Amino acid sequence: MIIAVVVIFSIFYLFQINRMTYALCMQREIPEEKQTKIFRTINVLITILLVSFYVEILLTA
């Protein structure tokens, strides 16, 4: 049960972060070449955050 909630939360959270990143890139007029690096970095960092969140929940429950 907890796995399903964490996965749904993670997908929603990652989608929202990507939307905000896209809005930032458009507002700051960041070139396409740099956008891929920005998205990759942010997605890797958010994924690490979500995995550590899942491990913490798993170990405390």
PDB file of N, CA and C in Angstrom:
ATOM      1  N   MET A   1       0.829  -1.200   0.000  1.00  0.00           N
ATOM      2  CA  MET A   1       0.000   0.000   0.000  1.00  0.00           C
ATOM      3  C   MET A   1       0.870   1.260   0.000  1.00  0.00           C
ATOM      4  N   ILE A   2       1.879   1.269   0.862  1.00  0.00           N
ATOM      5  CA  ILE A   2       2.737   2.454   0.956  1.00  0.00           C
ATOM      6  C   ILE A   2       3.522   2.672  -0.336  1.00  0.00           C
ATOM      7  N   ILE A   3       3.859   1.572  -1.013  1.00  0.00           N
ATOM      8  CA  ILE A   3       4.596   1.684  -2.271  1.00  0.00           C
ATOM      9  C   ILE A   3       3.758   2.415  -3.310  1.00  0.00           C
ATOM     10  N   ALA A   4       2.477   2.083  -3.407  1.00  0.00           N
ATOM     11  CA  ALA A   4       1.595   2.715  -4.387  1.00  0.00           C
ATOM     12  C   ALA A   4       1.453   4.208  -4.113  1.00  0.00           C
ATOM     13  N   VAL A   5       1.313   4.579  -2.862  1.00  0.00           N
ATOM     14  CA  VAL A   5       1.169   5.995  -2.509  1.00  0.00           C
ATOM     15  C   VAL A   5       2.440   6.764  -2.839  1.00  0.00           C
ATOM     16  N   VAL A   6       3.589   6.186  -2.511  1.00  0.00           N
ATOM     17  CA  VAL A   6       4.864   6.849  -2.780  1.00  0.00           C
ATOM     18  C   VAL A   6       5.094   6.986  -4.286  1.00  0.00           C
ATOM     19  N   VAL A   7       4.766   5.967  -5.054  1.00  0.00           N
ATOM     20  CA  VAL A   7       4.948   6.031  -6.510  1.00  0.00           C
ATOM     21  C   VAL A   7       4.043   7.091  -7.124  1.00  0.00           C
ATOM     22  N   ILE A   8       2.795   7.132  -6.719  1.00  0.00           N
ATOM     23  CA  ILE A   8       1.867   8.149  -7.247  1.00  0.00           C
ATOM     24  C   ILE A   8       2.334   9.549  -6.857  1.00  0.00           C
ATOM     25  N   PHE A   9       2.720   9.722  -5.606  1.00  0.00           N
ATOM     26  CA  PHE A   9       3.244  11.014  -5.154  1.00  0.00           C
ATOM     27  C   PHE A   9       4.489  11.400  -5.939  1.00  0.00           C
ATOM     28  N   SER A  10       5.381  10.451  -6.168  1.00  0.00           N
ATOM     29  CA  SER A  10       6.635  10.729  -6.877  1.00  0.00           C
ATOM     30  C   SER A  10       6.392  11.159  -8.310  1.00  0.00           C
ATOM     31  N   ILE A  11       5.484  10.479  -8.990  1.00  0.00           N
ATOM     32  CA  ILE A  11       5.179  10.834 -10.383  1.00  0.00           C
ATOM     33  C   ILE A  11       4.585  12.239 -10.446  1.00  0.00           C
ATOM     34  N   PHE A  12       3.646  12.527  -9.573  1.00  0.00           N
ATOM     35  CA  PHE A  12       3.035  13.854  -9.539  1.00  0.00           C
ATOM     36  C   PHE A  12       4.076  14.930  -9.224  1.00  0.00           C
ATOM     37  N   TYR A  13       4.919  14.670  -8.236  1.00  0.00           N
ATOM     38  CA  TYR A  13       5.936  15.631  -7.813  1.00  0.00           C
ATOM     39  C   TYR A  13       6.947  15.886  -8.927  1.00  0.00           C
ATOM     40  N   LEU A  14       7.409  14.838  -9.583  1.00  0.00           N
ATOM     41  CA  LEU A  14       8.370  14.983 -10.676  1.00  0.00           C
ATOM     42  C   LEU A  14       7.759  15.754 -11.843  1.00  0.00           C
ATOM     43  N   PHE A  15       6.489  15.494 -12.137  1.00  0.00           N
ATOM     44  CA  PHE A  15       5.798  16.220 -13.202  1.00  0.00           C
ATOM     45  C   PHE A  15       5.711  17.715 -12.875  1.00  0.00           C
ATOM     46  N   GLN A  16       5.387  18.040 -11.638  1.00  0.00           N
ATOM     47  CA  GLN A  16       5.272  19.442 -11.237  1.00  0.00           C
ATOM     48  C   GLN A  16       6.637  20.147 -11.287  1.00  0.00           C
ATOM     49  N   ILE A  17       7.668  19.482 -10.843  1.00  0.00           N
ATOM     50  CA  ILE A  17       9.009  20.060 -10.887  1.00  0.00           C
ATOM     51  C   ILE A  17       9.427  20.319 -12.336  1.00  0.00           C
ATOM     52  N   ASN A  18       9.125  19.396 -13.235  1.00  0.00           N
ATOM     53  CA  ASN A  18       9.455  19.586 -14.646  1.00  0.00           C
ATOM     54  C   ASN A  18       8.674  20.745 -15.254  1.00  0.00           C
ATOM     55  N   ARG A  19       7.415  20.901 -14.850  1.00  0.00           N
ATOM     56  CA  ARG A  19       6.634  22.047 -15.337  1.00  0.00           C
ATOM     57  C   ARG A  19       7.241  23.365 -14.873  1.00  0.00           C
ATOM     58  N   MET A  20       7.651  23.426 -13.609  1.00  0.00           N
ATOM     59  CA  MET A  20       8.260  24.654 -13.085  1.00  0.00           C
ATOM     60  C   MET A  20       9.608  24.927 -13.741  1.00  0.00           C
ATOM     61  N   THR A  21      10.374  23.868 -14.016  1.00  0.00           N
ATOM     62  CA  THR A  21      11.659  24.032 -14.695  1.00  0.00           C
ATOM     63  C   THR A  21      11.455  24.559 -16.105  1.00  0.00           C
ATOM     64  N   TYR A  22      10.467  24.035 -16.800  1.00  0.00           N
ATOM     65  CA  TYR A  22      10.169  24.510 -18.146  1.00  0.00           C
ATOM     66  C   TYR A  22       9.764  25.984 -18.125  1.00  0.00           C
ATOM     67  N   ALA A  23       8.936  26.356 -17.161  1.00  0.00           N
ATOM     68  CA  ALA A  23       8.519  27.761 -17.051  1.00  0.00           C
ATOM     69  C   ALA A  23       9.725  28.663 -16.765  1.00  0.00           C
ATOM     70  N   LEU A  24      10.635  28.200 -15.930  1.00  0.00           N
ATOM     71  CA  LEU A  24      11.847  28.976 -15.649  1.00  0.00           C
ATOM     72  C   LEU A  24      12.694  29.135 -16.899  1.00  0.00           C
ATOM     73  N   CYS A  25      12.852  28.055 -17.665  1.00  0.00           N
ATOM     74  CA  CYS A  25      13.649  28.119 -18.899  1.00  0.00           C
ATOM     75  C   CYS A  25      13.027  29.075 -19.910  1.00  0.00           C
ATOM     76  N   MET A  26      11.710  29.086 -20.001  1.00  0.00           N
ATOM     77  CA  MET A  26      11.053  29.994 -20.935  1.00  0.00           C
ATOM     78  C   MET A  26      11.157  31.448 -20.464  1.00  0.00           C
ATOM     79  N   GLN A  27      11.007  31.665 -19.171  1.00  0.00           N
ATOM     80  CA  GLN A  27      11.062  33.018 -18.638  1.00  0.00           C
ATOM     81  C   GLN A  27      12.461  33.617 -18.783  1.00  0.00           C
ATOM     82  N   ARG A  28      13.472  32.816 -18.514  1.00  0.00           N
ATOM     83  CA  ARG A  28      14.867  33.282 -18.588  1.00  0.00           C
ATOM     84  C   ARG A  28      15.452  33.177 -19.985  1.00  0.00           C
ATOM     85  N   GLU A  29      14.685  32.607 -20.908  1.00  0.00           N
ATOM     86  CA  GLU A  29      15.106  32.430 -22.299  1.00  0.00           C
ATOM     87  C   GLU A  29      16.429  31.678 -22.393  1.00  0.00           C
ATOM     88  N   ILE A  30      16.476  30.549 -21.716  1.00  0.00           N
ATOM     89  CA  ILE A  30      17.665  29.701 -21.718  1.00  0.00           C
ATOM     90  C   ILE A  30      17.704  28.928 -23.042  1.00  0.00           C
ATOM     91  N   PRO A  31      18.867  28.884 -23.686  1.00  0.00           N
ATOM     92  CA  PRO A  31      18.960  28.171 -24.976  1.00  0.00           C
ATOM     93  C   PRO A  31      18.646  26.680 -24.842  1.00  0.00           C
ATOM     94  N   GLU A  32      18.205  26.090 -25.955  1.00  0.00           N
ATOM     95  CA  GLU A  32      17.830  24.669 -25.980  1.00  0.00           C
ATOM     96  C   GLU A  32      18.972  23.756 -25.550  1.00  0.00           C
ATOM     97  N   GLU A  33      20.197  24.113 -25.915  1.00  0.00           N
ATOM     98  CA  GLU A  33      21.348  23.268 -25.583  1.00  0.00           C
ATOM     99  C   GLU A  33      21.530  23.147 -24.071  1.00  0.00           C
ATOM    100  N   LYS A  34      21.288  24.221 -23.355  1.00  0.00           N
ATOM    101  CA  LYS A  34      21.466  24.208 -21.906  1.00  0.00           C
ATOM    102  C   LYS A  34      20.247  23.621 -21.185  1.00  0.00           C
ATOM    103  N   GLN A  35      19.093  23.677 -21.832  1.00  0.00           N
ATOM    104  CA  GLN A  35      17.880  23.180 -21.192  1.00  0.00           C
ATOM    105  C   GLN A  35      17.962  21.689 -20.891  1.00  0.00           C
ATOM    106  N   THR A  36      18.532  20.920 -21.807  1.00  0.00           N
ATOM    107  CA  THR A  36      18.627  19.479 -21.567  1.00  0.00           C
ATOM    108  C   THR A  36      19.506  19.178 -20.359  1.00  0.00           C
ATOM    109  N   LYS A  37      20.579  19.906 -20.209  1.00  0.00           N
ATOM    110  CA  LYS A  37      21.459  19.703 -19.056  1.00  0.00           C
ATOM    111  C   LYS A  37      20.752  20.099 -17.758  1.00  0.00           C
ATOM    112  N   ILE A  38      20.003  21.181 -17.803  1.00  0.00           N
ATOM    113  CA  ILE A  38      19.266  21.643 -16.620  1.00  0.00           C
ATOM    114  C   ILE A  38      18.214  20.602 -16.225  1.00  0.00           C
ATOM    115  N   PHE A  39      17.433  20.129 -17.205  1.00  0.00           N
ATOM    116  CA  PHE A  39      16.406  19.135 -16.918  1.00  0.00           C
ATOM    117  C   PHE A  39      17.019  17.846 -16.375  1.00  0.00           C
ATOM    118  N   ARG A  40      18.127  17.400 -16.970  1.00  0.00           N
ATOM    119  CA  ARG A  40      18.763  16.163 -16.526  1.00  0.00           C
ATOM    120  C   ARG A  40      19.253  16.296 -15.086  1.00  0.00           C
ATOM    121  N   THR A  41      19.895  17.415 -14.775  1.00  0.00           N
ATOM    122  CA  THR A  41      20.411  17.629 -13.427  1.00  0.00           C
ATOM    123  C   THR A  41      19.285  17.672 -12.402  1.00  0.00           C
ATOM    124  N   ILE A  42      18.254  18.426 -12.696  1.00  0.00           N
ATOM    125  CA  ILE A  42      17.136  18.547 -11.758  1.00  0.00           C
ATOM    126  C   ILE A  42      16.429  17.205 -11.582  1.00  0.00           C
ATOM    127  N   ASN A  43      16.223  16.467 -12.669  1.00  0.00           N
ATOM    128  CA  ASN A  43      15.548  15.168 -12.569  1.00  0.00           C
ATOM    129  C   ASN A  43      16.369  14.158 -11.773  1.00  0.00           C
ATOM    130  N   VAL A  44      17.683  14.161 -11.942  1.00  0.00           N
ATOM    131  CA  VAL A  44      18.524  13.249 -11.164  1.00  0.00           C
ATOM    132  C   VAL A  44      18.473  13.613  -9.688  1.00  0.00           C
ATOM    133  N   LEU A  45      18.565  14.893  -9.376  1.00  0.00           N
ATOM    134  CA  LEU A  45      18.530  15.313  -7.974  1.00  0.00           C
ATOM    135  C   LEU A  45      17.185  15.014  -7.325  1.00  0.00           C
ATOM    136  N   ILE A  46      16.100  15.248  -8.033  1.00  0.00           N
ATOM    137  CA  ILE A  46      14.774  14.961  -7.488  1.00  0.00           C
ATOM    138  C   ILE A  46      14.577  13.452  -7.320  1.00  0.00           C
ATOM    139  N   THR A  47      15.094  12.667  -8.252  1.00  0.00           N
ATOM    140  CA  THR A  47      14.992  11.214  -8.125  1.00  0.00           C
ATOM    141  C   THR A  47      15.755  10.718  -6.903  1.00  0.00           C
ATOM    142  N   ILE A  48      16.938  11.257  -6.662  1.00  0.00           N
ATOM    143  CA  ILE A  48      17.698  10.901  -5.459  1.00  0.00           C
ATOM    144  C   ILE A  48      16.912  11.283  -4.211  1.00  0.00           C
ATOM    145  N   LEU A  49      16.315  12.448  -4.211  1.00  0.00           N
ATOM    146  CA  LEU A  49      15.501  12.883  -3.083  1.00  0.00           C
ATOM    147  C   LEU A  49      14.321  11.941  -2.843  1.00  0.00           C
ATOM    148  N   LEU A  50      13.632  11.538  -3.908  1.00  0.00           N
ATOM    149  CA  LEU A  50      12.472  10.665  -3.772  1.00  0.00           C
ATOM    150  C   LEU A  50      12.866   9.258  -3.321  1.00  0.00           C
ATOM    151  N   VAL A  51      13.993   8.755  -3.807  1.00  0.00           N
ATOM    152  CA  VAL A  51      14.454   7.431  -3.383  1.00  0.00           C
ATOM    153  C   VAL A  51      14.839   7.464  -1.908  1.00  0.00           C
ATOM    154  N   SER A  52      15.524   8.514  -1.485  1.00  0.00           N
ATOM    155  CA  SER A  52      15.885   8.600  -0.065  1.00  0.00           C
ATOM    156  C   SER A  52      14.635   8.749   0.806  1.00  0.00           C
ATOM    157  N   PHE A  53      13.626   9.450   0.304  1.00  0.00           N
ATOM    158  CA  PHE A  53      12.357   9.565   1.022  1.00  0.00           C
ATOM    159  C   PHE A  53      11.708   8.188   1.169  1.00  0.00           C
ATOM    160  N   TYR A  54      11.712   7.411   0.096  1.00  0.00           N
ATOM    161  CA  TYR A  54      11.116   6.076   0.136  1.00  0.00           C
ATOM    162  C   TYR A  54      11.866   5.170   1.113  1.00  0.00           C
ATOM    163  N   VAL A  55      13.190   5.215   1.086  1.00  0.00           N
ATOM    164  CA  VAL A  55      13.987   4.393   1.991  1.00  0.00           C
ATOM    165  C   VAL A  55      13.722   4.790   3.449  1.00  0.00           C
ATOM    166  N   GLU A  56      13.612   6.069   3.698  1.00  0.00           N
ATOM    167  CA  GLU A  56      13.321   6.528   5.064  1.00  0.00           C
ATOM    168  C   GLU A  56      11.958   6.027   5.527  1.00  0.00           C
ATOM    169  N   ILE A  57      10.958   6.133   4.663  1.00  0.00           N
ATOM    170  CA  ILE A  57       9.619   5.648   5.011  1.00  0.00           C
ATOM    171  C   ILE A  57       9.643   4.131   5.220  1.00  0.00           C
ATOM    172  N   LEU A  58      10.367   3.425   4.367  1.00  0.00           N
ATOM    173  CA  LEU A  58      10.434   1.981   4.456  1.00  0.00           C
ATOM    174  C   LEU A  58      11.102   1.527   5.756  1.00  0.00           C
ATOM    175  N   LEU A  59      12.138   2.229   6.190  1.00  0.00           N
ATOM    176  CA  LEU A  59      12.873   1.829   7.384  1.00  0.00           C
ATOM    177  C   LEU A  59      12.165   2.221   8.675  1.00  0.00           C
ATOM    178  N   THR A  60      11.342   3.265   8.635  1.00  0.00           N
ATOM    179  CA  THR A  60      10.657   3.688   9.845  1.00  0.00           C
ATOM    180  C   THR A  60       9.295   3.021  10.027  1.00  0.00           C
ATOM    181  N   ALA A  61       8.758   2.439   8.964  1.00  0.00           N
ATOM    182  CA  ALA A  61       7.421   1.820   9.068  1.00  0.00           C
ATOM    183  C   ALA A  61       7.501   0.380   9.508  1.00  0.00           C
TER     184      ALA A  61
END
